[in-house]
Amino acid sequence: MMDETEADADEEAWLQLRPVEPLPSQCCGSGCSPCVFDLYHRELARWEAARASKDRSLLSGEESQSCPSQLSPETFLAFRISAMDRLTEDTYRVRFALPRNCQLGLRPGQHLILRYTQCYPTGLMSQYVKSWSTGDTAFWRGPFGDFFYKANKYAELLMLASGTGLAPMVPVLQSITDNAEDETFVTLVGCFKTFEGIYLKTFLQEQARFWNVRTFFVLSQENSLEKLPWSYREKTRFGRLAQGLIEELVGSCRRKPFALVCGSAEFTKDMARCLLRAGLAEDSYFLF
């Protein structure tokens, strides 16, 4: 028989394994299926069944991992952080290791959802990512996303990205330049506060050397071209990306563009309105 002390310890151990209910702020409100709350209720049901039967092996499905090519929208898989680089004051590039001979199985334009179990009073996700270090483990599920890029499907892509909204554009852009048979033109516009805030500068400069790629930048908190390197002066504007510049960009596209937009909710809404006014139809752009 288990004495009272052992029973309390066992109860405490089970409580520590109980899934943490997501905060309202952790739901993006986009109608994801499954939502973070759907997943929470499934994990909670699994935990309750395991606790009732006193069998912790029933929880093993929560974090089991085979080859990452078997990504699942419903199951979190563990990935170890192999490298973490700080690109700008508020931007990090994190690399995750894959088991040998395995592929992630993520198509350009798709994304994963991160599970985080620590809560902070402010800047939940930012503080969590800053706490990472090489060797730590993070749990992801997916893939998600309704945009699937196919070589030569579009005559030209007009990419409008604000801040970290550049992230989903990178794999799409790279898939184009890595494929010698893909003749899609690309016009990429990155919106940042300052020149120092532009991340992946080297990558973007290298991409701009391809015959079918143009890059432009819009800086909201800069006002002097003389402070910028020569290679950026002709392709940088100050202020905000507004209707006039959108019309100029659409008009300068070498072929009829299909636009990709990613940024804050406000940025995305503004860009959709500007694109419509610039003559693009609703089926001629995609909002990440």
C-alpha atoms as a PDB file:
ATOM      1  CA  MET A   1       0.000   0.000   0.000  1.00  0.00           C
ATOM      2  CA  MET A   2       1.162   3.554  -0.732  1.00  0.00           C
ATOM      3  CA  ASP A   3       1.510   5.754   2.324  1.00  0.00           C
ATOM      4  CA  GLU A   4       0.227   9.322   2.432  1.00  0.00           C
ATOM      5  CA  THR A   5       3.617  10.880   1.612  1.00  0.00           C
ATOM      6  CA  GLU A   6       4.090   8.657  -1.432  1.00  0.00           C
ATOM      7  CA  ALA A   7       0.532   9.353  -2.579  1.00  0.00           C
ATOM      8  CA  ASP A   8       1.114  13.109  -2.364  1.00  0.00           C
ATOM      9  CA  ALA A   9       4.354  12.784  -4.310  1.00  0.00           C
ATOM     10  CA  ASP A  10       2.654  10.692  -6.982  1.00  0.00           C
ATOM     11  CA  GLU A  11      -0.176  13.212  -7.237  1.00  0.00           C
ATOM     12  CA  GLU A  12       2.330  16.056  -7.592  1.00  0.00           C
ATOM     13  CA  ALA A  13       4.161  14.143 -10.325  1.00  0.00           C
ATOM     14  CA  TRP A  14       0.918  13.709 -12.289  1.00  0.00           C
ATOM     15  CA  LEU A  15       0.044  17.383 -11.891  1.00  0.00           C
ATOM     16  CA  GLN A  16       3.414  18.350 -13.349  1.00  0.00           C
ATOM     17  CA  LEU A  17       2.587  16.249 -16.430  1.00  0.00           C
ATOM     18  CA  ARG A  18      -0.794  17.916 -16.902  1.00  0.00           C
ATOM     19  CA  PRO A  19      -0.988  19.872 -20.183  1.00  0.00           C
ATOM     20  CA  VAL A  20      -0.872  23.648 -19.801  1.00  0.00           C
ATOM     21  CA  GLU A  21      -3.951  25.406 -21.143  1.00  0.00           C
ATOM     22  CA  PRO A  22      -3.035  27.950 -23.842  1.00  0.00           C
ATOM     23  CA  LEU A  23      -3.544  31.627 -23.169  1.00  0.00           C
ATOM     24  CA  PRO A  24      -6.106  33.443 -25.352  1.00  0.00           C
ATOM     25  CA  SER A  25      -3.197  35.330 -26.954  1.00  0.00           C
ATOM     26  CA  GLN A  26      -1.738  32.040 -28.199  1.00  0.00           C
ATOM     27  CA  CYS A  27      -4.681  31.548 -30.556  1.00  0.00           C
ATOM     28  CA  CYS A  28      -4.156  33.427 -33.822  1.00  0.00           C
ATOM     29  CA  GLY A  29      -7.899  33.626 -34.438  1.00  0.00           C
ATOM     30  CA  SER A  30      -7.501  32.434 -38.035  1.00  0.00           C
ATOM     31  CA  GLY A  31      -9.635  29.325 -37.647  1.00  0.00           C
ATOM     32  CA  CYS A  32      -6.738  26.843 -37.735  1.00  0.00           C
ATOM     33  CA  SER A  33      -7.799  23.201 -37.736  1.00  0.00           C
ATOM     34  CA  PRO A  34      -6.776  21.950 -35.312  1.00  0.00           C
ATOM     35  CA  CYS A  35      -6.508  25.062 -33.135  1.00  0.00           C
ATOM     36  CA  VAL A  36      -4.093  25.220 -30.203  1.00  0.00           C
ATOM     37  CA  PHE A  37      -7.131  24.763 -27.965  1.00  0.00           C
ATOM     38  CA  ASP A  38      -8.223  21.660 -29.896  1.00  0.00           C
ATOM     39  CA  LEU A  39      -4.803  20.183 -29.325  1.00  0.00           C
ATOM     40  CA  TYR A  40      -4.880  21.142 -25.651  1.00  0.00           C
ATOM     41  CA  HIS A  41      -8.185  19.334 -25.092  1.00  0.00           C
ATOM     42  CA  ARG A  42      -6.858  16.223 -26.854  1.00  0.00           C
ATOM     43  CA  GLU A  43      -3.714  16.227 -24.722  1.00  0.00           C
ATOM     44  CA  LEU A  44      -5.807  16.806 -21.612  1.00  0.00           C
ATOM     45  CA  ALA A  45      -8.018  13.831 -22.449  1.00  0.00           C
ATOM     46  CA  ARG A  46      -4.911  11.681 -22.973  1.00  0.00           C
ATOM     47  CA  TRP A  47      -3.483  12.855 -19.646  1.00  0.00           C
ATOM     48  CA  GLU A  48      -6.745  12.158 -17.794  1.00  0.00           C
ATOM     49  CA  ALA A  49      -6.915   8.628 -19.255  1.00  0.00           C
ATOM     50  CA  ALA A  50      -3.286   7.961 -18.341  1.00  0.00           C
ATOM     51  CA  ARG A  51      -3.791   9.286 -14.824  1.00  0.00           C
ATOM     52  CA  ALA A  52      -6.957   7.212 -14.280  1.00  0.00           C
ATOM     53  CA  SER A  53      -5.153   4.043 -15.329  1.00  0.00           C
ATOM     54  CA  LYS A  54      -1.890   5.107 -13.631  1.00  0.00           C
ATOM     55  CA  ASP A  55      -0.063   4.347 -16.874  1.00  0.00           C
ATOM     56  CA  ARG A  56       2.348   7.081 -17.958  1.00  0.00           C
ATOM     57  CA  SER A  57       3.220   5.213 -21.148  1.00  0.00           C
ATOM     58  CA  LEU A  58      -0.099   6.472 -22.529  1.00  0.00           C
ATOM     59  CA  LEU A  59       1.462   9.939 -22.614  1.00  0.00           C
ATOM     60  CA  SER A  60       4.321   8.853 -24.868  1.00  0.00           C
ATOM     61  CA  GLY A  61       2.417   9.715 -28.033  1.00  0.00           C
ATOM     62  CA  GLU A  62       2.619  13.379 -27.065  1.00  0.00           C
ATOM     63  CA  GLU A  63       6.290  13.793 -27.818  1.00  0.00           C
ATOM     64  CA  SER A  64       7.217  10.731 -29.827  1.00  0.00           C
ATOM     65  CA  GLN A  65       9.262  11.375 -32.921  1.00  0.00           C
ATOM     66  CA  SER A  66      10.076   9.258 -35.888  1.00  0.00           C
ATOM     67  CA  CYS A  67      11.428  10.667 -39.112  1.00  0.00           C
ATOM     68  CA  PRO A  68      10.432  14.353 -39.390  1.00  0.00           C
ATOM     69  CA  SER A  69       9.162  13.687 -42.893  1.00  0.00           C
ATOM     70  CA  GLN A  70       6.106  12.356 -41.050  1.00  0.00           C
ATOM     71  CA  LEU A  71       5.065  15.810 -39.855  1.00  0.00           C
ATOM     72  CA  SER A  72       1.555  15.905 -38.481  1.00  0.00           C
ATOM     73  CA  PRO A  73      -0.761  18.897 -38.010  1.00  0.00           C
ATOM     74  CA  GLU A  74      -2.077  17.220 -34.874  1.00  0.00           C
ATOM     75  CA  THR A  75       1.070  15.929 -33.160  1.00  0.00           C
ATOM     76  CA  PHE A  76       4.022  17.931 -31.854  1.00  0.00           C
ATOM     77  CA  LEU A  77       7.441  16.560 -32.796  1.00  0.00           C
ATOM     78  CA  ALA A  78      10.663  17.364 -30.970  1.00  0.00           C
ATOM     79  CA  PHE A  79      13.525  19.128 -32.763  1.00  0.00           C
ATOM     80  CA  ARG A  80      16.888  19.943 -31.205  1.00  0.00           C
ATOM     81  CA  ILE A  81      18.363  23.415 -31.708  1.00  0.00           C
ATOM     82  CA  SER A  82      21.700  23.052 -33.514  1.00  0.00           C
ATOM     83  CA  ALA A  83      22.554  26.747 -33.875  1.00  0.00           C
ATOM     84  CA  MET A  84      21.137  30.115 -32.907  1.00  0.00           C
ATOM     85  CA  ASP A  85      22.315  33.409 -34.422  1.00  0.00           C
ATOM     86  CA  ARG A  86      21.235  36.930 -33.588  1.00  0.00           C
ATOM     87  CA  LEU A  87      20.686  38.779 -36.873  1.00  0.00           C
ATOM     88  CA  THR A  88      19.458  42.128 -35.574  1.00  0.00           C
ATOM     89  CA  GLU A  89      18.477  43.607 -32.235  1.00  0.00           C
ATOM     90  CA  ASP A  90      15.147  41.785 -32.283  1.00  0.00           C
ATOM     91  CA  THR A  91      15.606  39.013 -34.862  1.00  0.00           C
ATOM     92  CA  TYR A  92      17.137  35.569 -34.408  1.00  0.00           C
ATOM     93  CA  ARG A  93      17.845  32.761 -36.856  1.00  0.00           C
ATOM     94  CA  VAL A  94      17.403  29.352 -35.251  1.00  0.00           C
ATOM     95  CA  ARG A  95      18.538  26.139 -36.913  1.00  0.00           C
ATOM     96  CA  PHE A  96      17.078  22.772 -35.932  1.00  0.00           C
ATOM     97  CA  ALA A  97      18.786  19.429 -36.471  1.00  0.00           C
ATOM     98  CA  LEU A  98      17.129  16.623 -38.430  1.00  0.00           C
ATOM     99  CA  PRO A  99      17.864  12.925 -37.916  1.00  0.00           C
ATOM    100  CA  ARG A 100      20.232  11.506 -40.521  1.00  0.00           C
ATOM    101  CA  ASN A 101      18.749  10.859 -43.974  1.00  0.00           C
ATOM    102  CA  CYS A 102      15.472  12.558 -43.079  1.00  0.00           C
ATOM    103  CA  GLN A 103      13.770  15.508 -44.749  1.00  0.00           C
ATOM    104  CA  LEU A 104      11.405  17.950 -43.130  1.00  0.00           C
ATOM    105  CA  GLY A 105       8.768  17.661 -45.831  1.00  0.00           C
ATOM    106  CA  LEU A 106       7.834  21.343 -45.669  1.00  0.00           C
ATOM    107  CA  ARG A 107       6.909  22.976 -48.977  1.00  0.00           C
ATOM    108  CA  PRO A 108       7.790  26.621 -49.785  1.00  0.00           C
ATOM    109  CA  GLY A 109       5.022  28.835 -48.436  1.00  0.00           C
ATOM    110  CA  GLN A 110       4.008  26.483 -45.613  1.00  0.00           C
ATOM    111  CA  HIS A 111       4.685  26.971 -41.894  1.00  0.00           C
ATOM    112  CA  LEU A 112       4.751  25.109 -38.580  1.00  0.00           C
ATOM    113  CA  ILE A 113       3.254  25.946 -35.178  1.00  0.00           C
ATOM    114  CA  LEU A 114       5.487  26.081 -32.115  1.00  0.00           C
ATOM    115  CA  ARG A 115       4.433  24.811 -28.716  1.00  0.00           C
ATOM    116  CA  TYR A 116       5.795  26.729 -25.776  1.00  0.00           C
ATOM    117  CA  THR A 117       5.219  25.756 -22.176  1.00  0.00           C
ATOM    118  CA  GLN A 118       6.727  28.709 -20.311  1.00  0.00           C
ATOM    119  CA  CYS A 119       4.707  31.861 -19.785  1.00  0.00           C
ATOM    120  CA  TYR A 120       6.076  35.365 -19.373  1.00  0.00           C
ATOM    121  CA  PRO A 121       4.256  38.553 -18.330  1.00  0.00           C
ATOM    122  CA  THR A 122       5.049  40.409 -21.548  1.00  0.00           C
ATOM    123  CA  GLY A 123       6.194  39.471 -25.036  1.00  0.00           C
ATOM    124  CA  LEU A 124       5.345  35.786 -24.555  1.00  0.00           C
ATOM    125  CA  MET A 125       6.844  34.327 -27.713  1.00  0.00           C
ATOM    126  CA  SER A 126       9.749  36.769 -27.929  1.00  0.00           C
ATOM    127  CA  GLN A 127      10.870  36.056 -24.381  1.00  0.00           C
ATOM    128  CA  TYR A 128      10.521  32.325 -24.924  1.00  0.00           C
ATOM    129  CA  VAL A 129      12.670  32.358 -28.069  1.00  0.00           C
ATOM    130  CA  LYS A 130      15.296  34.527 -26.354  1.00  0.00           C
ATOM    131  CA  SER A 131      15.568  31.866 -23.634  1.00  0.00           C
ATOM    132  CA  TRP A 132      16.632  29.209 -26.154  1.00  0.00           C
ATOM    133  CA  SER A 133      20.191  28.012 -26.532  1.00  0.00           C
ATOM    134  CA  THR A 134      21.983  25.394 -28.613  1.00  0.00           C
ATOM    135  CA  GLY A 135      21.014  21.909 -27.501  1.00  0.00           C
ATOM    136  CA  ASP A 136      17.527  22.867 -26.308  1.00  0.00           C
ATOM    137  CA  THR A 137      14.471  21.118 -27.699  1.00  0.00           C
ATOM    138  CA  ALA A 138      11.423  22.761 -29.226  1.00  0.00           C
ATOM    139  CA  PHE A 139       8.193  21.098 -30.307  1.00  0.00           C
ATOM    140  CA  TRP A 140       6.544  21.809 -33.648  1.00  0.00           C
ATOM    141  CA  ARG A 141       3.515  20.571 -35.560  1.00  0.00           C
ATOM    142  CA  GLY A 142       2.300  21.124 -39.104  1.00  0.00           C
ATOM    143  CA  PRO A 143       2.565  21.822 -41.928  1.00  0.00           C
ATOM    144  CA  PHE A 144      -0.068  24.533 -42.310  1.00  0.00           C
ATOM    145  CA  GLY A 145      -0.755  27.075 -45.005  1.00  0.00           C
ATOM    146  CA  ASP A 146      -2.874  27.346 -48.137  1.00  0.00           C
ATOM    147  CA  PHE A 147      -0.217  28.756 -50.465  1.00  0.00           C
ATOM    148  CA  PHE A 148       1.673  26.121 -52.434  1.00  0.00           C
ATOM    149  CA  TYR A 149       4.338  27.376 -54.811  1.00  0.00           C
ATOM    150  CA  LYS A 150       4.853  25.600 -58.115  1.00  0.00           C
ATOM    151  CA  ALA A 151       7.621  26.529 -60.539  1.00  0.00           C
ATOM    152  CA  ASN A 152       6.513  28.816 -63.381  1.00  0.00           C
ATOM    153  CA  LYS A 153       2.916  28.948 -62.135  1.00  0.00           C
ATOM    154  CA  TYR A 154       3.079  32.745 -61.969  1.00  0.00           C
ATOM    155  CA  ALA A 155       4.659  35.107 -64.481  1.00  0.00           C
ATOM    156  CA  GLU A 156       5.917  37.379 -61.688  1.00  0.00           C
ATOM    157  CA  LEU A 157       5.653  37.382 -57.908  1.00  0.00           C
ATOM    158  CA  LEU A 158       5.370  40.692 -56.088  1.00  0.00           C
ATOM    159  CA  MET A 159       6.415  40.004 -52.489  1.00  0.00           C
ATOM    160  CA  LEU A 160       5.396  42.610 -49.912  1.00  0.00           C
ATOM    161  CA  ALA A 161       6.898  41.855 -46.514  1.00  0.00           C
ATOM    162  CA  SER A 162       6.988  43.819 -43.273  1.00  0.00           C
ATOM    163  CA  GLY A 163       9.568  42.901 -40.634  1.00  0.00           C
ATOM    164  CA  THR A 164       9.511  39.191 -39.866  1.00  0.00           C
ATOM    165  CA  GLY A 165       6.935  38.869 -42.631  1.00  0.00           C
ATOM    166  CA  LEU A 166       9.993  38.329 -44.811  1.00  0.00           C
ATOM    167  CA  ALA A 167      10.307  34.794 -43.391  1.00  0.00           C
ATOM    168  CA  PRO A 168       7.758  32.972 -45.617  1.00  0.00           C
ATOM    169  CA  MET A 169       9.094  34.787 -48.691  1.00  0.00           C
ATOM    170  CA  VAL A 170      12.603  33.385 -48.243  1.00  0.00           C
ATOM    171  CA  PRO A 171      11.917  29.704 -49.072  1.00  0.00           C
ATOM    172  CA  VAL A 172       9.711  30.662 -52.023  1.00  0.00           C
ATOM    173  CA  LEU A 173      12.387  32.993 -53.390  1.00  0.00           C
ATOM    174  CA  GLN A 174      15.149  30.456 -52.848  1.00  0.00           C
ATOM    175  CA  SER A 175      13.186  27.682 -54.524  1.00  0.00           C
ATOM    176  CA  ILE A 176      12.938  29.898 -57.611  1.00  0.00           C
ATOM    177  CA  THR A 177      16.604  30.810 -57.807  1.00  0.00           C
ATOM    178  CA  ASP A 178      17.699  27.246 -57.006  1.00  0.00           C
ATOM    179  CA  ASN A 179      15.735  25.952 -60.003  1.00  0.00           C
ATOM    180  CA  ALA A 180      17.409  26.833 -63.297  1.00  0.00           C
ATOM    181  CA  GLU A 181      14.188  25.987 -65.151  1.00  0.00           C
ATOM    182  CA  ASP A 182      12.034  28.343 -63.091  1.00  0.00           C
ATOM    183  CA  GLU A 183      11.727  31.612 -65.016  1.00  0.00           C
ATOM    184  CA  THR A 184       9.409  33.394 -62.587  1.00  0.00           C
ATOM    185  CA  PHE A 185      10.246  37.064 -62.109  1.00  0.00           C
ATOM    186  CA  VAL A 186      10.367  38.256 -58.504  1.00  0.00           C
ATOM    187  CA  THR A 187      10.029  41.753 -57.081  1.00  0.00           C
ATOM    188  CA  LEU A 188      10.578  41.678 -53.330  1.00  0.00           C
ATOM    189  CA  VAL A 189       9.807  44.691 -51.134  1.00  0.00           C
ATOM    190  CA  GLY A 190      10.982  44.547 -47.523  1.00  0.00           C
ATOM    191  CA  CYS A 191       9.614  47.085 -45.028  1.00  0.00           C
ATOM    192  CA  PHE A 192      11.700  47.776 -41.934  1.00  0.00           C
ATOM    193  CA  LYS A 193      12.132  50.569 -39.403  1.00  0.00           C
ATOM    194  CA  THR A 194      15.853  51.144 -39.992  1.00  0.00           C
ATOM    195  CA  PHE A 195      18.637  49.933 -42.261  1.00  0.00           C
ATOM    196  CA  GLU A 196      20.216  48.079 -39.348  1.00  0.00           C
ATOM    197  CA  GLY A 197      16.897  46.314 -38.821  1.00  0.00           C
ATOM    198  CA  ILE A 198      17.065  44.613 -42.219  1.00  0.00           C
ATOM    199  CA  TYR A 199      17.953  41.001 -41.593  1.00  0.00           C
ATOM    200  CA  LEU A 200      19.399  38.474 -44.059  1.00  0.00           C
ATOM    201  CA  LYS A 201      21.135  41.302 -45.919  1.00  0.00           C
ATOM    202  CA  THR A 202      23.773  39.024 -47.449  1.00  0.00           C
ATOM    203  CA  PHE A 203      21.175  36.532 -48.617  1.00  0.00           C
ATOM    204  CA  LEU A 204      19.007  39.246 -50.159  1.00  0.00           C
ATOM    205  CA  GLN A 205      21.983  40.833 -51.915  1.00  0.00           C
ATOM    206  CA  GLU A 206      22.945  37.463 -53.373  1.00  0.00           C
ATOM    207  CA  GLN A 207      19.386  36.838 -54.554  1.00  0.00           C
ATOM    208  CA  ALA A 208      19.237  40.253 -56.211  1.00  0.00           C
ATOM    209  CA  ARG A 209      22.136  39.211 -58.480  1.00  0.00           C
ATOM    210  CA  PHE A 210      19.898  36.738 -60.290  1.00  0.00           C
ATOM    211  CA  TRP A 211      18.541  37.954 -63.623  1.00  0.00           C
ATOM    212  CA  ASN A 212      14.922  37.538 -62.554  1.00  0.00           C
ATOM    213  CA  VAL A 213      15.032  39.045 -59.031  1.00  0.00           C
ATOM    214  CA  ARG A 214      14.682  42.666 -57.857  1.00  0.00           C
ATOM    215  CA  THR A 215      14.748  43.817 -54.249  1.00  0.00           C
ATOM    216  CA  PHE A 216      13.530  47.091 -52.747  1.00  0.00           C
ATOM    217  CA  PHE A 217      13.387  48.403 -49.193  1.00  0.00           C
ATOM    218  CA  VAL A 218      11.096  50.848 -47.414  1.00  0.00           C
ATOM    219  CA  LEU A 219      12.462  52.304 -44.154  1.00  0.00           C
ATOM    220  CA  SER A 220      10.031  54.083 -41.868  1.00  0.00           C
ATOM    221  CA  GLN A 221      12.544  55.630 -39.449  1.00  0.00           C
ATOM    222  CA  GLU A 222      15.321  56.707 -41.831  1.00  0.00           C
ATOM    223  CA  ASN A 223      15.488  59.911 -43.848  1.00  0.00           C
ATOM    224  CA  SER A 224      18.953  60.172 -45.393  1.00  0.00           C
ATOM    225  CA  LEU A 225      20.222  58.215 -48.393  1.00  0.00           C
ATOM    226  CA  GLU A 226      23.758  59.399 -47.652  1.00  0.00           C
ATOM    227  CA  LYS A 227      23.799  57.188 -44.543  1.00  0.00           C
ATOM    228  CA  LEU A 228      23.109  54.067 -46.589  1.00  0.00           C
ATOM    229  CA  PRO A 229      25.669  51.978 -48.530  1.00  0.00           C
ATOM    230  CA  TRP A 230      25.812  52.833 -52.217  1.00  0.00           C
ATOM    231  CA  SER A 231      24.301  49.487 -53.217  1.00  0.00           C
ATOM    232  CA  TYR A 232      21.097  50.330 -51.334  1.00  0.00           C
ATOM    233  CA  ARG A 233      20.514  53.939 -52.308  1.00  0.00           C
ATOM    234  CA  GLU A 234      18.738  53.387 -55.615  1.00  0.00           C
ATOM    235  CA  LYS A 235      16.402  50.729 -54.236  1.00  0.00           C
ATOM    236  CA  THR A 236      15.414  52.278 -50.891  1.00  0.00           C
ATOM    237  CA  ARG A 237      12.483  54.569 -50.088  1.00  0.00           C
ATOM    238  CA  PHE A 238      11.640  56.272 -46.803  1.00  0.00           C
ATOM    239  CA  GLY A 239       8.334  56.428 -44.987  1.00  0.00           C
ATOM    240  CA  ARG A 240       5.713  53.735 -45.341  1.00  0.00           C
ATOM    241  CA  LEU A 241       4.608  51.501 -48.175  1.00  0.00           C
ATOM    242  CA  ALA A 242       1.502  53.326 -49.404  1.00  0.00           C
ATOM    243  CA  GLN A 243      -0.807  53.491 -52.413  1.00  0.00           C
ATOM    244  CA  GLY A 244       1.460  55.552 -54.647  1.00  0.00           C
ATOM    245  CA  LEU A 245       4.438  53.225 -54.284  1.00  0.00           C
ATOM    246  CA  ILE A 246       2.263  50.117 -54.668  1.00  0.00           C
ATOM    247  CA  GLU A 247       0.937  51.437 -57.983  1.00  0.00           C
ATOM    248  CA  GLU A 248       4.488  52.245 -59.077  1.00  0.00           C
ATOM    249  CA  LEU A 249       5.679  48.740 -58.172  1.00  0.00           C
ATOM    250  CA  VAL A 250       2.772  47.010 -59.893  1.00  0.00           C
ATOM    251  CA  GLY A 251       3.301  49.189 -62.964  1.00  0.00           C
ATOM    252  CA  SER A 252       7.018  48.402 -63.077  1.00  0.00           C
ATOM    253  CA  CYS A 253       6.545  44.636 -62.934  1.00  0.00           C
ATOM    254  CA  ARG A 254       7.794  43.031 -66.112  1.00  0.00           C
ATOM    255  CA  ARG A 255       4.793  40.702 -66.248  1.00  0.00           C
ATOM    256  CA  LYS A 256       1.353  40.623 -64.624  1.00  0.00           C
ATOM    257  CA  PRO A 257       2.161  39.993 -60.954  1.00  0.00           C
ATOM    258  CA  PHE A 258       0.692  37.727 -58.337  1.00  0.00           C
ATOM    259  CA  ALA A 259       1.274  39.344 -54.939  1.00  0.00           C
ATOM    260  CA  LEU A 260       2.295  37.690 -51.676  1.00  0.00           C
ATOM    261  CA  VAL A 261       1.757  39.725 -48.507  1.00  0.00           C
ATOM    262  CA  CYS A 262       2.985  39.035 -44.979  1.00  0.00           C
ATOM    263  CA  GLY A 263       3.289  41.287 -41.940  1.00  0.00           C
ATOM    264  CA  SER A 264       1.155  42.580 -39.111  1.00  0.00           C
ATOM    265  CA  ALA A 265      -2.634  42.409 -39.376  1.00  0.00           C
ATOM    266  CA  GLU A 266      -2.727  46.147 -40.090  1.00  0.00           C
ATOM    267  CA  PHE A 267      -0.034  45.892 -42.774  1.00  0.00           C
ATOM    268  CA  THR A 268      -1.778  42.971 -44.455  1.00  0.00           C
ATOM    269  CA  LYS A 269      -5.122  44.786 -44.498  1.00  0.00           C
ATOM    270  CA  ASP A 270      -3.541  47.954 -45.912  1.00  0.00           C
ATOM    271  CA  MET A 271      -1.676  46.069 -48.639  1.00  0.00           C
ATOM    272  CA  ALA A 272      -4.805  44.186 -49.724  1.00  0.00           C
ATOM    273  CA  ARG A 273      -6.649  47.482 -50.103  1.00  0.00           C
ATOM    274  CA  CYS A 274      -3.757  49.076 -52.025  1.00  0.00           C
ATOM    275  CA  LEU A 275      -3.415  46.107 -54.380  1.00  0.00           C
ATOM    276  CA  LEU A 276      -7.103  46.211 -55.237  1.00  0.00           C
ATOM    277  CA  ARG A 277      -6.875  49.933 -55.973  1.00  0.00           C
ATOM    278  CA  ALA A 278      -3.789  49.276 -58.102  1.00  0.00           C
ATOM    279  CA  GLY A 279      -5.850  47.005 -60.342  1.00  0.00           C
ATOM    280  CA  LEU A 280      -5.164  43.527 -58.987  1.00  0.00           C
ATOM    281  CA  ALA A 281      -8.127  41.214 -58.560  1.00  0.00           C
ATOM    282  CA  GLU A 282      -8.836  39.442 -55.284  1.00  0.00           C
ATOM    283  CA  ASP A 283      -7.564  36.191 -56.766  1.00  0.00           C
ATOM    284  CA  SER A 284      -4.283  37.865 -57.733  1.00  0.00           C
ATOM    285  CA  TYR A 285      -2.801  38.055 -54.268  1.00  0.00           C
ATOM    286  CA  PHE A 286      -2.330  35.845 -51.211  1.00  0.00           C
ATOM    287  CA  LEU A 287      -2.242  37.035 -47.607  1.00  0.00           C
ATOM    288  CA  PHE A 288      -0.126  34.936 -45.247  1.00  0.00           C
END
